C-alpha cells in the first residue's frame, strides 16, 4: 500500500495515532481474529474493539467478514496489507495527465517457464500442474494465479501516448512471492523486472507464503501457496523504486518508449539468479489483494 501524506489521507494516518489500533494490526498480522478474540487478547470490551475495527476498515487496512460459528455468526477481521509506504513527495500535476489499466495476471503475451509451474482460475486448475505447455492454452487468460520455478512472463502495457506526449512516471502494482514445492515461508527468490528489454531492477522475495490462508483465495484451493506481497514498482524522473526503495537509476527516458508501440513488462527469475526461487503471481479473487496487475501512466502533454 502506497499513500501520499496529505489531508485527504488523514483517515489512514489517524489509525496509527492509537496504540490500541496498532496492537490490533499486530494481532491480525499473526492470523485473522474475531471481535471477541481481539477483545479478549487486549482486555477491552467488544464495543470498544468494534469502534476501532470500523476505523481500520474505513481506512482500507483490514477487511471483515461474517461467518457461521457454534454460537451463531461472528465477525472475523483480516489484515489486508503486508506493508505501507508513506510518500512525502508527490508527482507534480500542473501539466500532468494520466491513464490507468488493469491487466489480468493470465493475460501475458509471452512466457518461458520451467516446473514447478501451473495456472489456476477462481474455480479450478487450468490444465495439468508442472506442464509448461498449458501456459499456451487459450484458457490461460482466465488465470487468477500462476507460478513457475524459473523463467519469465511478459505483459503488454497499452501505450496511449500520441504525438509529442512524453512518459513522466510509470507505476505498476502486483501481488507476488517466491515459488517453492508446496510452500516454504523461507525461500528467497531473486525476481527481476524489465521494461522494453531494459533491466529496471531486482528484488529478493523472502519466501513462498502458505502458512496463513489468503484473504481472497477460493475455498477449493486448500493447500500450497496462499498469498503474496503487494509490491509497487515506480519508474520516474529520480530513478526506479520498489515500494519507495531505490532499485536503479533507470528513468522513463531510458525505456525507449515509441508512439504506437506497447510497453513490454517482464517479470522473471532466471536460472542464473543466485536465489533461483521462482515466482507466484496473484490476480483478483486470489491471494490477499483483490486486484490484477494495476498500471498507472503519468505523462506530460505535447509542448
C-alpha atoms as a PDB file:
ATOM      1  CA  UNK A   1       0.000   0.000   0.000  1.00  0.00           C
ATOM      2  CA  UNK A   2       1.449   3.339  -1.083  1.00  0.00           C
ATOM      3  CA  UNK A   3      -0.092   6.556   0.241  1.00  0.00           C
ATOM      4  CA  UNK A   4       0.791  10.214  -0.026  1.00  0.00           C
ATOM      5  CA  UNK A   5       0.991  12.265   3.168  1.00  0.00           C
ATOM      6  CA  UNK A   6      -1.770  14.842   2.813  1.00  0.00           C
ATOM      7  CA  UNK A   7      -5.079  15.865   4.362  1.00  0.00           C
ATOM      8  CA  UNK A   8      -7.051  13.513   2.142  1.00  0.00           C
ATOM      9  CA  UNK A   9      -5.372  10.509   3.767  1.00  0.00           C
ATOM     10  CA  UNK A  10      -5.859  11.611   7.374  1.00  0.00           C
ATOM     11  CA  UNK A  11      -8.369   8.760   7.928  1.00  0.00           C
ATOM     12  CA  UNK A  12      -5.491   6.328   7.262  1.00  0.00           C
ATOM     13  CA  UNK A  13      -2.784   8.225   9.144  1.00  0.00           C
ATOM     14  CA  UNK A  14      -5.007   8.653  12.225  1.00  0.00           C
ATOM     15  CA  UNK A  15      -5.232   4.871  12.579  1.00  0.00           C
ATOM     16  CA  UNK A  16      -1.615   4.828  13.754  1.00  0.00           C
ATOM     17  CA  UNK A  17      -2.140   7.504  16.429  1.00  0.00           C
ATOM     18  CA  UNK A  18      -3.859   4.904  18.616  1.00  0.00           C
ATOM     19  CA  UNK A  19      -1.781   2.276  20.415  1.00  0.00           C
ATOM     20  CA  UNK A  20      -4.874   0.054  20.590  1.00  0.00           C
ATOM     21  CA  UNK A  21      -5.349   0.100  16.812  1.00  0.00           C
ATOM     22  CA  UNK A  22      -1.657  -0.636  16.278  1.00  0.00           C
ATOM     23  CA  UNK A  23      -1.935  -3.608  18.644  1.00  0.00           C
ATOM     24  CA  UNK A  24      -4.983  -4.838  16.712  1.00  0.00           C
ATOM     25  CA  UNK A  25      -2.966  -4.702  13.474  1.00  0.00           C
ATOM     26  CA  UNK A  26      -0.138  -6.632  15.149  1.00  0.00           C
ATOM     27  CA  UNK A  27      -2.546  -9.369  16.261  1.00  0.00           C
ATOM     28  CA  UNK A  28      -4.136  -9.596  12.817  1.00  0.00           C
ATOM     29  CA  UNK A  29      -0.677  -9.927  11.305  1.00  0.00           C
ATOM     30  CA  UNK A  30      -0.401 -13.239  13.174  1.00  0.00           C
ATOM     31  CA  UNK A  31      -3.774 -14.569  11.993  1.00  0.00           C
ATOM     32  CA  UNK A  32      -7.370 -13.455  11.325  1.00  0.00           C
ATOM     33  CA  UNK A  33      -9.323 -12.965  14.556  1.00  0.00           C
ATOM     34  CA  UNK A  34     -12.893 -12.313  15.594  1.00  0.00           C
ATOM     35  CA  UNK A  35     -14.073  -9.236  17.503  1.00  0.00           C
ATOM     36  CA  UNK A  36     -14.366 -11.298  20.692  1.00  0.00           C
ATOM     37  CA  UNK A  37     -10.903 -12.799  20.268  1.00  0.00           C
ATOM     38  CA  UNK A  38      -9.390  -9.329  19.841  1.00  0.00           C
ATOM     39  CA  UNK A  39     -11.309  -8.047  22.872  1.00  0.00           C
ATOM     40  CA  UNK A  40     -10.061 -10.927  25.000  1.00  0.00           C
ATOM     41  CA  UNK A  41      -6.451 -10.536  23.840  1.00  0.00           C
ATOM     42  CA  UNK A  42      -6.402  -6.774  24.514  1.00  0.00           C
ATOM     43  CA  UNK A  43      -8.588  -6.720  27.609  1.00  0.00           C
ATOM     44  CA  UNK A  44     -11.201  -4.378  26.100  1.00  0.00           C
ATOM     45  CA  UNK A  45     -14.945  -4.656  25.641  1.00  0.00           C
ATOM     46  CA  UNK A  46     -16.308  -5.851  22.301  1.00  0.00           C
ATOM     47  CA  UNK A  47     -17.949  -2.447  21.835  1.00  0.00           C
ATOM     48  CA  UNK A  48     -14.608  -0.614  22.051  1.00  0.00           C
ATOM     49  CA  UNK A  49     -12.933  -3.097  19.687  1.00  0.00           C
ATOM     50  CA  UNK A  50     -15.808  -2.687  17.224  1.00  0.00           C
ATOM     51  CA  UNK A  51     -15.224   1.084  17.068  1.00  0.00           C
ATOM     52  CA  UNK A  52     -11.518   0.577  16.373  1.00  0.00           C
ATOM     53  CA  UNK A  53     -12.333  -2.032  13.717  1.00  0.00           C
ATOM     54  CA  UNK A  54     -14.698   0.376  11.974  1.00  0.00           C
ATOM     55  CA  UNK A  55     -11.926   2.979  11.674  1.00  0.00           C
ATOM     56  CA  UNK A  56      -9.414   0.436  10.381  1.00  0.00           C
ATOM     57  CA  UNK A  57     -11.922  -0.903   7.875  1.00  0.00           C
ATOM     58  CA  UNK A  58     -12.853   2.591   6.637  1.00  0.00           C
ATOM     59  CA  UNK A  59      -9.141   3.254   6.128  1.00  0.00           C
ATOM     60  CA  UNK A  60      -8.822   0.138   3.957  1.00  0.00           C
ATOM     61  CA  UNK A  61      -6.308  -1.502   6.300  1.00  0.00           C
ATOM     62  CA  UNK A  62      -8.436  -4.510   7.223  1.00  0.00           C
ATOM     63  CA  UNK A  63     -11.381  -6.489   5.878  1.00  0.00           C
ATOM     64  CA  UNK A  64     -14.144  -8.138   7.910  1.00  0.00           C
ATOM     65  CA  UNK A  65     -16.445 -11.000   7.057  1.00  0.00           C
ATOM     66  CA  UNK A  66     -19.357 -12.602   8.862  1.00  0.00           C
ATOM     67  CA  UNK A  67     -19.053 -16.379   9.226  1.00  0.00           C
ATOM     68  CA  UNK A  68     -21.072 -19.079  10.971  1.00  0.00           C
ATOM     69  CA  UNK A  69     -19.873 -20.335  14.353  1.00  0.00           C
ATOM     70  CA  UNK A  70     -21.035 -22.679  17.094  1.00  0.00           C
ATOM     71  CA  UNK A  71     -22.971 -19.834  18.729  1.00  0.00           C
ATOM     72  CA  UNK A  72     -24.306 -18.077  15.681  1.00  0.00           C
ATOM     73  CA  UNK A  73     -22.495 -15.745  13.306  1.00  0.00           C
ATOM     74  CA  UNK A  74     -19.296 -13.900  14.205  1.00  0.00           C
ATOM     75  CA  UNK A  75     -17.321 -11.136  12.534  1.00  0.00           C
ATOM     76  CA  UNK A  76     -13.763 -12.123  11.607  1.00  0.00           C
ATOM     77  CA  UNK A  77     -11.134  -9.496  10.771  1.00  0.00           C
ATOM     78  CA  UNK A  78      -8.358  -9.917   8.178  1.00  0.00           C
ATOM     79  CA  UNK A  79      -5.279  -7.751   7.621  1.00  0.00           C
ATOM     80  CA  UNK A  80      -5.253  -6.503   4.014  1.00  0.00           C
ATOM     81  CA  UNK A  81      -1.687  -5.241   3.548  1.00  0.00           C
ATOM     82  CA  UNK A  82       1.817  -6.542   4.258  1.00  0.00           C
ATOM     83  CA  UNK A  83       3.435  -3.112   4.025  1.00  0.00           C
ATOM     84  CA  UNK A  84       2.588   0.568   3.852  1.00  0.00           C
ATOM     85  CA  UNK A  85       4.783   3.205   2.214  1.00  0.00           C
ATOM     86  CA  UNK A  86       4.370   6.870   3.166  1.00  0.00           C
ATOM     87  CA  UNK A  87       5.147   9.215   0.295  1.00  0.00           C
ATOM     88  CA  UNK A  88       6.190  12.772   1.200  1.00  0.00           C
ATOM     89  CA  UNK A  89       6.915  13.843  -2.374  1.00  0.00           C
ATOM     90  CA  UNK A  90       4.118  13.676  -4.906  1.00  0.00           C
ATOM     91  CA  UNK A  91       4.245  13.689  -8.674  1.00  0.00           C
ATOM     92  CA  UNK A  92       3.831  17.246  -9.894  1.00  0.00           C
ATOM     93  CA  UNK A  93       0.469  17.521 -11.544  1.00  0.00           C
ATOM     94  CA  UNK A  94       0.417  21.067 -13.008  1.00  0.00           C
ATOM     95  CA  UNK A  95       0.724  19.874 -16.595  1.00  0.00           C
ATOM     96  CA  UNK A  96       0.426  16.160 -15.932  1.00  0.00           C
ATOM     97  CA  UNK A  97      -2.139  13.770 -17.358  1.00  0.00           C
ATOM     98  CA  UNK A  98      -2.607  10.099 -16.568  1.00  0.00           C
ATOM     99  CA  UNK A  99      -4.404   6.932 -17.544  1.00  0.00           C
ATOM    100  CA  UNK A 100      -4.683   3.579 -15.801  1.00  0.00           C
ATOM    101  CA  UNK A 101      -5.152  -0.004 -16.962  1.00  0.00           C
ATOM    102  CA  UNK A 102      -5.778  -3.291 -15.159  1.00  0.00           C
ATOM    103  CA  UNK A 103      -4.002  -6.266 -16.743  1.00  0.00           C
ATOM    104  CA  UNK A 104      -5.213  -9.741 -15.673  1.00  0.00           C
ATOM    105  CA  UNK A 105      -2.314 -11.911 -14.472  1.00  0.00           C
ATOM    106  CA  UNK A 106      -3.337 -14.555 -17.002  1.00  0.00           C
ATOM    107  CA  UNK A 107      -3.166 -12.135 -19.921  1.00  0.00           C
ATOM    108  CA  UNK A 108       0.574 -12.440 -20.532  1.00  0.00           C
ATOM    109  CA  UNK A 109       1.819 -12.012 -24.105  1.00  0.00           C
ATOM    110  CA  UNK A 110       4.892 -14.230 -23.852  1.00  0.00           C
ATOM    111  CA  UNK A 111       6.406 -16.720 -21.430  1.00  0.00           C
ATOM    112  CA  UNK A 112       9.177 -19.213 -20.846  1.00  0.00           C
ATOM    113  CA  UNK A 113       8.739 -21.250 -17.668  1.00  0.00           C
ATOM    114  CA  UNK A 114      10.032 -24.389 -16.001  1.00  0.00           C
ATOM    115  CA  UNK A 115       8.443 -26.512 -13.246  1.00  0.00           C
ATOM    116  CA  UNK A 116       7.225 -26.266 -10.648  1.00  0.00           C
ATOM    117  CA  UNK A 117       4.557 -24.402 -12.644  1.00  0.00           C
ATOM    118  CA  UNK A 118       0.846 -24.097 -13.148  1.00  0.00           C
ATOM    119  CA  UNK A 119      -2.238 -21.974 -13.689  1.00  0.00           C
ATOM    120  CA  UNK A 120      -5.427 -21.661 -11.674  1.00  0.00           C
ATOM    121  CA  UNK A 121      -8.670 -19.768 -12.212  1.00  0.00           C
ATOM    122  CA  UNK A 122     -11.026 -18.809  -9.401  1.00  0.00           C
ATOM    123  CA  UNK A 123     -12.956 -22.045  -9.998  1.00  0.00           C
ATOM    124  CA  UNK A 124     -10.254 -24.649 -10.669  1.00  0.00           C
ATOM    125  CA  UNK A 125      -6.978 -25.673 -12.275  1.00  0.00           C
ATOM    126  CA  UNK A 126      -6.173 -24.825 -15.889  1.00  0.00           C
ATOM    127  CA  UNK A 127      -4.537 -27.855 -17.477  1.00  0.00           C
ATOM    128  CA  UNK A 128      -2.037 -30.064 -15.676  1.00  0.00           C
ATOM    129  CA  UNK A 129       0.367 -28.995 -12.958  1.00  0.00           C
ATOM    130  CA  UNK A 130       4.089 -28.833 -13.814  1.00  0.00           C
ATOM    131  CA  UNK A 131       3.470 -28.988 -17.575  1.00  0.00           C
ATOM    132  CA  UNK A 132       4.630 -25.699 -19.189  1.00  0.00           C
ATOM    133  CA  UNK A 133       2.648 -26.487 -22.358  1.00  0.00           C
ATOM    134  CA  UNK A 134      -0.554 -25.368 -20.643  1.00  0.00           C
ATOM    135  CA  UNK A 135       0.795 -21.819 -20.422  1.00  0.00           C
ATOM    136  CA  UNK A 136      -0.110 -21.760 -24.158  1.00  0.00           C
ATOM    137  CA  UNK A 137      -3.681 -22.890 -23.540  1.00  0.00           C
ATOM    138  CA  UNK A 138      -6.289 -20.358 -24.743  1.00  0.00           C
ATOM    139  CA  UNK A 139      -7.699 -20.596 -21.211  1.00  0.00           C
ATOM    140  CA  UNK A 140      -4.562 -19.013 -19.738  1.00  0.00           C
ATOM    141  CA  UNK A 141      -6.319 -15.629 -19.912  1.00  0.00           C
ATOM    142  CA  UNK A 142      -8.708 -16.892 -17.191  1.00  0.00           C
ATOM    143  CA  UNK A 143      -5.866 -17.456 -14.703  1.00  0.00           C
ATOM    144  CA  UNK A 144      -6.066 -15.671 -11.364  1.00  0.00           C
ATOM    145  CA  UNK A 145      -2.952 -17.369 -10.017  1.00  0.00           C
ATOM    146  CA  UNK A 146       0.138 -18.563 -11.838  1.00  0.00           C
ATOM    147  CA  UNK A 147       3.506 -19.871 -10.714  1.00  0.00           C
ATOM    148  CA  UNK A 148       6.807 -21.115 -12.127  1.00  0.00           C
ATOM    149  CA  UNK A 149      10.117 -22.411 -10.766  1.00  0.00           C
ATOM    150  CA  UNK A 150      12.227 -20.315 -13.146  1.00  0.00           C
ATOM    151  CA  UNK A 151      11.761 -18.329 -16.333  1.00  0.00           C
ATOM    152  CA  UNK A 152       9.565 -15.328 -17.136  1.00  0.00           C
ATOM    153  CA  UNK A 153       6.151 -14.000 -18.043  1.00  0.00           C
ATOM    154  CA  UNK A 154       5.790 -10.849 -20.141  1.00  0.00           C
ATOM    155  CA  UNK A 155       2.838  -8.477 -20.324  1.00  0.00           C
ATOM    156  CA  UNK A 156       1.932  -5.755 -22.820  1.00  0.00           C
ATOM    157  CA  UNK A 157       1.049  -2.410 -21.259  1.00  0.00           C
ATOM    158  CA  UNK A 158      -1.089  -0.351 -23.660  1.00  0.00           C
ATOM    159  CA  UNK A 159       0.694   2.812 -24.790  1.00  0.00           C
ATOM    160  CA  UNK A 160      -1.910   5.512 -25.375  1.00  0.00           C
ATOM    161  CA  UNK A 161       0.585   8.348 -25.828  1.00  0.00           C
ATOM    162  CA  UNK A 162       0.214  10.336 -29.030  1.00  0.00           C
ATOM    163  CA  UNK A 163       2.278  12.886 -30.884  1.00  0.00           C
ATOM    164  CA  UNK A 164       4.916  14.513 -28.685  1.00  0.00           C
ATOM    165  CA  UNK A 165       3.457  13.428 -25.356  1.00  0.00           C
ATOM    166  CA  UNK A 166       6.160  12.085 -23.036  1.00  0.00           C
ATOM    167  CA  UNK A 167       6.056   9.458 -20.304  1.00  0.00           C
ATOM    168  CA  UNK A 168       6.679  11.091 -16.924  1.00  0.00           C
ATOM    169  CA  UNK A 169       6.084   8.271 -14.455  1.00  0.00           C
ATOM    170  CA  UNK A 170       5.077   4.616 -14.710  1.00  0.00           C
ATOM    171  CA  UNK A 171       3.643   2.838 -11.669  1.00  0.00           C
ATOM    172  CA  UNK A 172       2.912  -0.902 -11.624  1.00  0.00           C
ATOM    173  CA  UNK A 173       1.320  -2.704  -8.663  1.00  0.00           C
ATOM    174  CA  UNK A 174       1.050  -6.503  -8.272  1.00  0.00           C
ATOM    175  CA  UNK A 175       0.875  -9.313  -5.694  1.00  0.00           C
ATOM    176  CA  UNK A 176       3.889 -11.609  -5.889  1.00  0.00           C
ATOM    177  CA  UNK A 177       6.085 -14.065  -3.974  1.00  0.00           C
ATOM    178  CA  UNK A 178       8.596 -16.905  -4.444  1.00  0.00           C
ATOM    179  CA  UNK A 179       7.640 -20.399  -5.622  1.00  0.00           C
ATOM    180  CA  UNK A 180       8.635 -23.493  -3.656  1.00  0.00           C
ATOM    181  CA  UNK A 181       7.165 -27.003  -3.925  1.00  0.00           C
ATOM    182  CA  UNK A 182       4.001 -26.828  -1.763  1.00  0.00           C
ATOM    183  CA  UNK A 183       5.227 -23.707   0.071  1.00  0.00           C
ATOM    184  CA  UNK A 184       8.175 -22.519   2.150  1.00  0.00           C
ATOM    185  CA  UNK A 185       7.997 -19.269   4.123  1.00  0.00           C
ATOM    186  CA  UNK A 186      11.812 -19.012   3.995  1.00  0.00           C
ATOM    187  CA  UNK A 187      12.546 -19.481   0.292  1.00  0.00           C
ATOM    188  CA  UNK A 188      14.364 -16.469  -1.206  1.00  0.00           C
ATOM    189  CA  UNK A 189      13.969 -15.681  -4.881  1.00  0.00           C
ATOM    190  CA  UNK A 190      15.764 -13.032  -6.956  1.00  0.00           C
ATOM    191  CA  UNK A 191      12.908 -11.611  -9.021  1.00  0.00           C
ATOM    192  CA  UNK A 192      13.879  -9.240 -11.840  1.00  0.00           C
ATOM    193  CA  UNK A 193      11.799  -6.600 -13.613  1.00  0.00           C
ATOM    194  CA  UNK A 194      12.362  -5.155 -17.071  1.00  0.00           C
ATOM    195  CA  UNK A 195      10.528  -2.779 -19.391  1.00  0.00           C
ATOM    196  CA  UNK A 196      11.059  -2.821 -23.162  1.00  0.00           C
ATOM    197  CA  UNK A 197      14.072  -5.055 -22.580  1.00  0.00           C
ATOM    198  CA  UNK A 198      15.669  -2.608 -20.129  1.00  0.00           C
ATOM    199  CA  UNK A 199      16.532  -4.178 -16.763  1.00  0.00           C
ATOM    200  CA  UNK A 200      14.937  -1.944 -14.135  1.00  0.00           C
ATOM    201  CA  UNK A 201      15.986  -3.806 -11.015  1.00  0.00           C
ATOM    202  CA  UNK A 202      15.933  -6.964  -8.931  1.00  0.00           C
ATOM    203  CA  UNK A 203      14.193  -7.710  -5.640  1.00  0.00           C
ATOM    204  CA  UNK A 204      14.786 -10.711  -3.393  1.00  0.00           C
ATOM    205  CA  UNK A 205      11.471 -12.047  -2.151  1.00  0.00           C
ATOM    206  CA  UNK A 206      11.882 -13.687   1.275  1.00  0.00           C
ATOM    207  CA  UNK A 207       9.567 -16.646   0.769  1.00  0.00           C
ATOM    208  CA  UNK A 208       6.565 -18.510  -0.582  1.00  0.00           C
ATOM    209  CA  UNK A 209       3.634 -17.869   1.755  1.00  0.00           C
ATOM    210  CA  UNK A 210       1.267 -20.687   2.659  1.00  0.00           C
ATOM    211  CA  UNK A 211       1.035 -20.693   6.463  1.00  0.00           C
ATOM    212  CA  UNK A 212      -1.901 -18.251   6.559  1.00  0.00           C
ATOM    213  CA  UNK A 213      -4.833 -18.644   4.220  1.00  0.00           C
ATOM    214  CA  UNK A 214      -5.190 -15.909   1.596  1.00  0.00           C
ATOM    215  CA  UNK A 215      -7.997 -13.453   2.281  1.00  0.00           C
ATOM    216  CA  UNK A 216      -9.471 -13.908  -1.213  1.00  0.00           C
ATOM    217  CA  UNK A 217      -8.115 -17.374  -2.026  1.00  0.00           C
ATOM    218  CA  UNK A 218     -11.090 -19.508  -3.170  1.00  0.00           C
ATOM    219  CA  UNK A 219     -12.345 -22.348  -0.989  1.00  0.00           C
ATOM    220  CA  UNK A 220     -11.380 -25.043  -3.489  1.00  0.00           C
ATOM    221  CA  UNK A 221      -7.666 -24.128  -3.148  1.00  0.00           C
ATOM    222  CA  UNK A 222      -6.795 -25.978   0.041  1.00  0.00           C
ATOM    223  CA  UNK A 223      -3.006 -26.274   0.354  1.00  0.00           C
ATOM    224  CA  UNK A 224       0.179 -24.728  -1.008  1.00  0.00           C
ATOM    225  CA  UNK A 225       0.853 -21.068  -1.687  1.00  0.00           C
ATOM    226  CA  UNK A 226      -1.901 -18.839  -0.311  1.00  0.00           C
ATOM    227  CA  UNK A 227      -0.867 -15.254  -0.977  1.00  0.00           C
ATOM    228  CA  UNK A 228       1.979 -12.931  -1.900  1.00  0.00           C
ATOM    229  CA  UNK A 229       3.202  -9.456  -1.025  1.00  0.00           C
ATOM    230  CA  UNK A 230       1.786  -6.339  -2.645  1.00  0.00           C
ATOM    231  CA  UNK A 231       4.632  -4.526  -4.405  1.00  0.00           C
ATOM    232  CA  UNK A 232       4.623  -1.252  -6.323  1.00  0.00           C
ATOM    233  CA  UNK A 233       7.253  -0.594  -8.983  1.00  0.00           C
ATOM    234  CA  UNK A 234       7.706   3.084  -9.872  1.00  0.00           C
ATOM    235  CA  UNK A 235       9.849   4.467 -12.683  1.00  0.00           C
ATOM    236  CA  UNK A 236      10.120   8.245 -12.530  1.00  0.00           C
ATOM    237  CA  UNK A 237      12.454  11.179 -13.046  1.00  0.00           C
ATOM    238  CA  UNK A 238      14.533  10.267  -9.975  1.00  0.00           C
ATOM    239  CA  UNK A 239      15.023   6.602 -10.913  1.00  0.00           C
ATOM    240  CA  UNK A 240      13.299   3.274 -10.342  1.00  0.00           C
ATOM    241  CA  UNK A 241      11.901   2.268  -6.955  1.00  0.00           C
ATOM    242  CA  UNK A 242      10.115  -0.694  -5.404  1.00  0.00           C
ATOM    243  CA  UNK A 243       7.885   0.412  -2.533  1.00  0.00           C
ATOM    244  CA  UNK A 244       9.953   3.561  -2.238  1.00  0.00           C
ATOM    245  CA  UNK A 245      13.314   1.739  -2.125  1.00  0.00           C
ATOM    246  CA  UNK A 246      15.702   2.643  -4.945  1.00  0.00           C
ATOM    247  CA  UNK A 247      16.418  -0.190  -7.367  1.00  0.00           C
ATOM    248  CA  UNK A 248      18.312   1.611 -10.137  1.00  0.00           C
ATOM    249  CA  UNK A 249      18.879   4.928 -11.912  1.00  0.00           C
ATOM    250  CA  UNK A 250      16.607   3.913 -14.819  1.00  0.00           C
ATOM    251  CA  UNK A 251      14.172   6.714 -15.724  1.00  0.00           C
ATOM    252  CA  UNK A 252      11.343   6.865 -18.299  1.00  0.00           C
ATOM    253  CA  UNK A 253      13.780   8.327 -20.814  1.00  0.00           C
ATOM    254  CA  UNK A 254      15.759   5.065 -20.757  1.00  0.00           C
ATOM    255  CA  UNK A 255      12.789   2.885 -21.724  1.00  0.00           C
ATOM    256  CA  UNK A 256      12.714   3.668 -25.458  1.00  0.00           C
ATOM    257  CA  UNK A 257       9.003   4.428 -25.469  1.00  0.00           C
ATOM    258  CA  UNK A 258       7.660   4.747 -29.010  1.00  0.00           C
ATOM    259  CA  UNK A 259       4.289   6.124 -30.028  1.00  0.00           C
ATOM    260  CA  UNK A 260       2.037   3.327 -31.260  1.00  0.00           C
ATOM    261  CA  UNK A 261       4.008   0.533 -29.576  1.00  0.00           C
ATOM    262  CA  UNK A 262       3.008  -1.246 -26.379  1.00  0.00           C
ATOM    263  CA  UNK A 263       5.320  -1.267 -23.369  1.00  0.00           C
ATOM    264  CA  UNK A 264       6.670  -4.761 -22.621  1.00  0.00           C
ATOM    265  CA  UNK A 265       6.750  -5.547 -18.893  1.00  0.00           C
ATOM    266  CA  UNK A 266       8.616  -8.707 -17.896  1.00  0.00           C
ATOM    267  CA  UNK A 267       8.789 -10.466 -14.520  1.00  0.00           C
ATOM    268  CA  UNK A 268      11.486 -13.134 -14.332  1.00  0.00           C
ATOM    269  CA  UNK A 269      13.538 -15.414 -12.143  1.00  0.00           C
ATOM    270  CA  UNK A 270      16.367 -16.514 -14.436  1.00  0.00           C
ATOM    271  CA  UNK A 271      18.240 -19.769 -13.940  1.00  0.00           C
ATOM    272  CA  UNK A 272      21.401 -17.701 -13.480  1.00  0.00           C
ATOM    273  CA  UNK A 273      19.967 -15.980 -10.372  1.00  0.00           C
ATOM    274  CA  UNK A 274      21.782 -16.509  -7.079  1.00  0.00           C
ATOM    275  CA  UNK A 275      18.433 -17.370  -5.495  1.00  0.00           C
ATOM    276  CA  UNK A 276      16.507 -19.340  -8.091  1.00  0.00           C
ATOM    277  CA  UNK A 277      13.331 -19.436  -6.069  1.00  0.00           C
ATOM    278  CA  UNK A 278      10.645 -18.982  -8.717  1.00  0.00           C
ATOM    279  CA  UNK A 279       7.633 -16.689  -8.933  1.00  0.00           C
ATOM    280  CA  UNK A 280       3.984 -16.725  -7.849  1.00  0.00           C
ATOM    281  CA  UNK A 281       1.595 -14.062  -9.191  1.00  0.00           C
ATOM    282  CA  UNK A 282      -1.934 -13.435  -7.927  1.00  0.00           C
ATOM    283  CA  UNK A 283      -4.873 -11.694  -9.533  1.00  0.00           C
ATOM    284  CA  UNK A 284      -8.285 -10.630  -8.292  1.00  0.00           C
ATOM    285  CA  UNK A 285     -10.216 -13.119  -6.127  1.00  0.00           C
ATOM    286  CA  UNK A 286      -6.965 -14.878  -5.195  1.00  0.00           C
ATOM    287  CA  UNK A 287      -4.382 -14.112  -2.507  1.00  0.00           C
ATOM    288  CA  UNK A 288      -4.590 -11.178  -0.102  1.00  0.00           C
ATOM    289  CA  UNK A 289      -5.389  -8.359  -2.552  1.00  0.00           C
ATOM    290  CA  UNK A 290      -8.415  -8.213  -4.815  1.00  0.00           C
ATOM    291  CA  UNK A 291      -6.584  -6.788  -7.823  1.00  0.00           C
ATOM    292  CA  UNK A 292      -4.832  -7.663 -11.070  1.00  0.00           C
ATOM    293  CA  UNK A 293      -1.621  -6.015 -12.309  1.00  0.00           C
ATOM    294  CA  UNK A 294      -2.561  -2.364 -11.920  1.00  0.00           C
ATOM    295  CA  UNK A 295      -0.743   0.206 -14.082  1.00  0.00           C
ATOM    296  CA  UNK A 296      -0.850   3.997 -13.902  1.00  0.00           C
ATOM    297  CA  UNK A 297       0.851   6.038 -16.627  1.00  0.00           C
ATOM    298  CA  UNK A 298       1.587   9.726 -15.957  1.00  0.00           C
ATOM    299  CA  UNK A 299       2.610  11.744 -18.968  1.00  0.00           C
ATOM    300  CA  UNK A 300       3.356  15.313 -19.964  1.00  0.00           C
ATOM    301  CA  UNK A 301       1.239  16.713 -22.794  1.00  0.00           C
ATOM    302  CA  UNK A 302       2.861  17.843 -26.008  1.00  0.00           C
ATOM    303  CA  UNK A 303       4.506  21.276 -25.694  1.00  0.00           C
END
